[in-house]
N, C-alpha and C. Protein backbone atom coordinates (compact mmCIF):
# COMPACT_ATOMS: atom_id res chain seq x y z
N MET A 1 -154.89 43.44 102.67
CA MET A 1 -153.96 44.45 102.23
C MET A 1 -153.11 43.87 101.11
N ILE A 2 -153.04 44.57 100.02
CA ILE A 2 -152.26 44.13 98.88
C ILE A 2 -151.08 45.06 98.70
N LEU A 3 -149.90 44.47 98.69
CA LEU A 3 -148.68 45.26 98.47
C LEU A 3 -148.23 45.04 97.04
N SER A 4 -147.92 46.09 96.42
CA SER A 4 -147.38 45.95 95.07
C SER A 4 -146.03 46.64 95.02
N PHE A 5 -145.12 46.02 94.37
CA PHE A 5 -143.77 46.56 94.26
C PHE A 5 -143.54 46.95 92.81
N ILE A 6 -143.00 48.10 92.66
CA ILE A 6 -142.67 48.56 91.32
C ILE A 6 -141.15 48.53 91.22
N ALA A 7 -140.69 47.78 90.28
CA ALA A 7 -139.24 47.68 90.09
C ALA A 7 -138.75 48.96 89.45
N THR A 8 -137.82 49.56 90.12
CA THR A 8 -137.20 50.74 89.53
C THR A 8 -135.77 50.38 89.18
N SER A 9 -135.39 50.72 88.02
CA SER A 9 -134.02 50.41 87.61
C SER A 9 -133.21 51.69 87.63
N LYS A 10 -131.96 51.50 87.93
CA LYS A 10 -131.03 52.62 87.94
C LYS A 10 -130.85 53.10 86.50
N PRO A 11 -130.86 54.42 86.29
CA PRO A 11 -130.67 54.91 84.91
C PRO A 11 -129.33 54.43 84.36
N LYS A 12 -129.35 54.04 83.11
CA LYS A 12 -128.12 53.56 82.49
C LYS A 12 -127.30 54.73 81.97
N CYS A 13 -126.04 54.60 82.18
CA CYS A 13 -125.12 55.63 81.70
C CYS A 13 -124.45 55.10 80.44
N HIS A 14 -124.32 55.95 79.44
CA HIS A 14 -123.72 55.52 78.18
C HIS A 14 -122.51 56.39 77.87
N TYR A 15 -121.41 55.72 77.59
CA TYR A 15 -120.15 56.40 77.24
C TYR A 15 -119.71 55.96 75.85
N SER A 16 -118.91 56.80 75.22
CA SER A 16 -118.28 56.40 73.96
C SER A 16 -117.09 55.51 74.31
N GLN A 17 -116.49 54.94 73.28
CA GLN A 17 -115.24 54.18 73.48
C GLN A 17 -114.13 55.15 73.85
N TRP A 18 -113.13 54.67 74.56
CA TRP A 18 -111.96 55.51 74.86
C TRP A 18 -111.24 55.84 73.56
N THR A 19 -110.70 57.04 73.46
CA THR A 19 -109.85 57.39 72.33
C THR A 19 -108.53 56.64 72.48
N ARG A 20 -107.72 56.67 71.46
CA ARG A 20 -106.37 56.10 71.57
C ARG A 20 -105.56 56.98 72.52
N TRP A 21 -104.52 56.39 73.10
CA TRP A 21 -103.65 57.18 73.97
C TRP A 21 -102.96 58.27 73.15
N GLY A 22 -102.91 59.48 73.68
CA GLY A 22 -102.24 60.59 73.01
C GLY A 22 -100.73 60.43 73.10
N HIS A 23 -100.03 61.33 72.46
CA HIS A 23 -98.57 61.34 72.51
C HIS A 23 -98.11 61.67 73.92
N CYS A 24 -96.92 61.25 74.24
CA CYS A 24 -96.33 61.57 75.54
C CYS A 24 -96.14 63.08 75.62
N SER A 25 -96.32 63.65 76.80
CA SER A 25 -96.26 65.11 76.98
C SER A 25 -94.85 65.68 76.90
N VAL A 26 -93.84 64.83 76.86
CA VAL A 26 -92.45 65.28 76.78
C VAL A 26 -91.76 64.55 75.63
N SER A 27 -90.64 65.07 75.17
CA SER A 27 -89.90 64.41 74.10
C SER A 27 -88.80 63.51 74.66
N CYS A 28 -88.48 63.66 75.94
CA CYS A 28 -87.55 62.75 76.61
C CYS A 28 -87.85 62.80 78.10
N GLY A 29 -87.47 61.75 78.81
CA GLY A 29 -87.74 61.70 80.25
C GLY A 29 -89.14 61.18 80.55
N ASN A 30 -89.67 61.54 81.72
CA ASN A 30 -90.98 61.06 82.17
C ASN A 30 -92.08 62.06 81.82
N GLY A 31 -93.19 61.56 81.31
CA GLY A 31 -94.31 62.42 80.94
C GLY A 31 -95.64 61.74 81.20
N VAL A 32 -96.69 62.28 80.60
CA VAL A 32 -98.04 61.77 80.80
C VAL A 32 -98.72 61.61 79.44
N GLN A 33 -99.52 60.56 79.31
CA GLN A 33 -100.37 60.36 78.14
C GLN A 33 -101.82 60.45 78.61
N ILE A 34 -102.67 60.96 77.73
CA ILE A 34 -104.08 61.15 78.06
C ILE A 34 -104.95 60.50 77.00
N ARG A 35 -106.07 59.95 77.43
CA ARG A 35 -107.11 59.50 76.51
C ARG A 35 -108.44 59.98 77.09
N ALA A 36 -109.46 60.05 76.24
CA ALA A 36 -110.74 60.62 76.67
C ALA A 36 -111.90 59.82 76.10
N ARG A 37 -113.06 60.09 76.65
CA ARG A 37 -114.31 59.52 76.14
C ARG A 37 -115.43 60.51 76.40
N ASN A 38 -116.54 60.35 75.70
CA ASN A 38 -117.70 61.22 75.87
C ASN A 38 -118.78 60.51 76.68
N ARG A 39 -119.60 61.30 77.34
CA ARG A 39 -120.74 60.76 78.08
C ARG A 39 -121.99 61.14 77.29
N PHE A 40 -122.84 60.18 77.04
CA PHE A 40 -124.04 60.42 76.23
C PHE A 40 -125.30 60.65 77.07
N SER A 41 -125.23 60.41 78.36
CA SER A 41 -126.40 60.66 79.22
C SER A 41 -125.94 61.38 80.48
N ASP A 42 -126.84 62.18 81.05
CA ASP A 42 -126.46 62.98 82.21
C ASP A 42 -126.82 62.34 83.55
N THR A 43 -127.62 61.32 83.53
CA THR A 43 -128.04 60.73 84.80
C THR A 43 -127.40 59.37 85.00
N GLY A 44 -127.10 59.06 86.23
CA GLY A 44 -126.53 57.76 86.57
C GLY A 44 -125.08 57.59 86.18
N CYS A 45 -124.41 58.66 85.83
CA CYS A 45 -123.02 58.56 85.38
C CYS A 45 -122.08 59.07 86.47
N ASN A 46 -121.10 58.28 86.79
CA ASN A 46 -120.08 58.76 87.73
C ASN A 46 -118.68 58.34 87.30
N GLY A 47 -118.55 57.85 86.09
CA GLY A 47 -117.25 57.45 85.56
C GLY A 47 -116.46 58.65 85.06
N THR A 48 -115.17 58.47 84.97
CA THR A 48 -114.29 59.54 84.53
C THR A 48 -114.32 59.69 83.00
N LEU A 49 -114.10 60.90 82.53
CA LEU A 49 -114.08 61.16 81.09
C LEU A 49 -112.65 61.26 80.55
N MET A 50 -111.68 61.40 81.46
CA MET A 50 -110.27 61.49 81.08
C MET A 50 -109.51 60.40 81.82
N ASP A 51 -108.54 59.81 81.14
CA ASP A 51 -107.72 58.76 81.73
C ASP A 51 -106.26 59.14 81.50
N TYR A 52 -105.43 58.94 82.49
CA TYR A 52 -104.03 59.33 82.42
C TYR A 52 -103.13 58.14 82.71
N ARG A 53 -101.96 58.12 82.09
CA ARG A 53 -100.94 57.14 82.45
C ARG A 53 -99.56 57.76 82.23
N MET A 54 -98.61 57.26 82.97
CA MET A 54 -97.24 57.75 82.85
C MET A 54 -96.61 57.17 81.58
N CYS A 55 -95.75 57.93 80.97
CA CYS A 55 -94.99 57.43 79.83
C CYS A 55 -93.53 57.80 80.06
N GLN A 56 -92.64 56.95 79.64
CA GLN A 56 -91.22 57.23 79.81
C GLN A 56 -90.52 57.01 78.49
N LEU A 57 -89.95 58.06 77.99
CA LEU A 57 -89.22 57.98 76.74
C LEU A 57 -87.73 57.87 77.05
N GLN A 58 -86.92 57.92 76.05
CA GLN A 58 -85.48 57.83 76.27
C GLN A 58 -85.02 58.94 77.21
N PRO A 59 -83.93 58.72 77.93
CA PRO A 59 -83.43 59.76 78.84
C PRO A 59 -83.09 61.04 78.07
N CYS A 60 -83.18 62.17 78.74
CA CYS A 60 -82.82 63.44 78.11
C CYS A 60 -81.29 63.54 78.02
N MET A 61 -80.82 64.06 76.93
CA MET A 61 -79.38 64.19 76.71
C MET A 61 -78.97 65.64 76.92
N CYS A 62 -77.96 65.84 77.73
CA CYS A 62 -77.40 67.18 77.94
C CYS A 62 -75.96 67.17 77.49
N VAL A 63 -75.51 68.26 76.94
CA VAL A 63 -74.12 68.37 76.50
C VAL A 63 -73.45 69.45 77.35
N LEU A 64 -72.36 69.05 78.03
CA LEU A 64 -71.63 69.98 78.89
C LEU A 64 -70.21 70.13 78.35
N THR A 65 -69.65 71.31 78.53
CA THR A 65 -68.25 71.51 78.11
C THR A 65 -67.32 70.87 79.12
N LYS A 66 -66.10 70.60 78.68
CA LYS A 66 -65.09 70.04 79.59
C LYS A 66 -64.87 70.98 80.77
N GLU A 67 -64.83 72.26 80.49
CA GLU A 67 -64.57 73.24 81.55
C GLU A 67 -65.67 73.21 82.62
N PHE A 68 -66.90 73.10 82.19
CA PHE A 68 -68.00 73.05 83.16
C PHE A 68 -67.91 71.78 84.00
N TYR A 69 -67.62 70.64 83.33
CA TYR A 69 -67.52 69.37 84.05
C TYR A 69 -66.40 69.43 85.09
N MET A 70 -65.23 69.93 84.69
CA MET A 70 -64.11 69.99 85.63
C MET A 70 -64.39 70.96 86.77
N GLY A 71 -65.05 72.09 86.46
CA GLY A 71 -65.39 73.04 87.51
C GLY A 71 -66.42 72.49 88.49
N ALA A 72 -67.38 71.72 88.00
CA ALA A 72 -68.44 71.19 88.84
C ALA A 72 -68.00 69.98 89.65
N THR A 73 -67.10 69.16 89.09
CA THR A 73 -66.71 67.92 89.78
C THR A 73 -65.30 67.94 90.33
N GLY A 74 -64.47 68.85 89.84
CA GLY A 74 -63.07 68.87 90.25
C GLY A 74 -62.28 67.72 89.65
N GLN A 75 -62.85 67.04 88.66
CA GLN A 75 -62.19 65.90 88.02
C GLN A 75 -61.96 66.19 86.56
N LYS A 76 -60.97 65.49 86.02
CA LYS A 76 -60.71 65.58 84.59
C LYS A 76 -61.78 64.83 83.80
N VAL A 77 -62.09 65.31 82.64
CA VAL A 77 -63.08 64.65 81.79
C VAL A 77 -62.47 63.36 81.23
N PRO A 78 -63.15 62.22 81.40
CA PRO A 78 -62.58 60.94 80.96
C PRO A 78 -62.76 60.66 79.47
N THR A 79 -62.59 61.66 78.63
CA THR A 79 -62.71 61.47 77.19
C THR A 79 -61.88 62.53 76.49
N ASP A 80 -61.53 62.30 75.25
CA ASP A 80 -60.74 63.27 74.50
C ASP A 80 -61.59 64.22 73.68
N SER A 81 -62.90 64.00 73.68
CA SER A 81 -63.76 64.87 72.88
C SER A 81 -63.95 66.22 73.57
N LYS A 82 -64.40 67.21 72.82
CA LYS A 82 -64.59 68.55 73.36
C LYS A 82 -65.76 68.60 74.33
N TYR A 83 -66.75 67.72 74.14
CA TYR A 83 -67.95 67.73 74.97
C TYR A 83 -68.12 66.39 75.67
N LEU A 84 -68.72 66.43 76.82
CA LEU A 84 -69.04 65.21 77.57
C LEU A 84 -70.55 65.10 77.61
N LYS A 85 -71.09 63.97 77.22
CA LYS A 85 -72.54 63.79 77.24
C LYS A 85 -72.93 63.06 78.51
N LEU A 86 -73.88 63.60 79.23
CA LEU A 86 -74.40 62.99 80.44
C LEU A 86 -75.88 62.72 80.25
N LEU A 87 -76.35 61.60 80.77
CA LEU A 87 -77.78 61.31 80.73
C LEU A 87 -78.41 61.91 81.98
N VAL A 88 -79.45 62.69 81.78
CA VAL A 88 -80.14 63.33 82.89
C VAL A 88 -81.58 62.88 82.88
N TYR A 89 -82.05 62.25 83.96
CA TYR A 89 -83.43 61.83 84.07
C TYR A 89 -84.23 62.94 84.73
N VAL A 90 -85.28 63.35 84.06
CA VAL A 90 -86.10 64.44 84.59
C VAL A 90 -87.35 63.87 85.21
């Protein structure tokens, strides 16, 4: 009895290079960046075509009037300017 083995190889999957990371999805605070790639073959591929990462830009700036600040906190505004700037993380 003669046994013969035929080597079968797994189909190779071919992808393009990843694109550069896109711009952050927000102009301030926490957002997401995306990059992508193409798949050149349909068999043997199980990798992702989209990649995501968190991005954090400068905190968002909100401007509140003295009246709003005093009404919300019951405290006097610790500045002489007409507006109080607070950093708000979204």
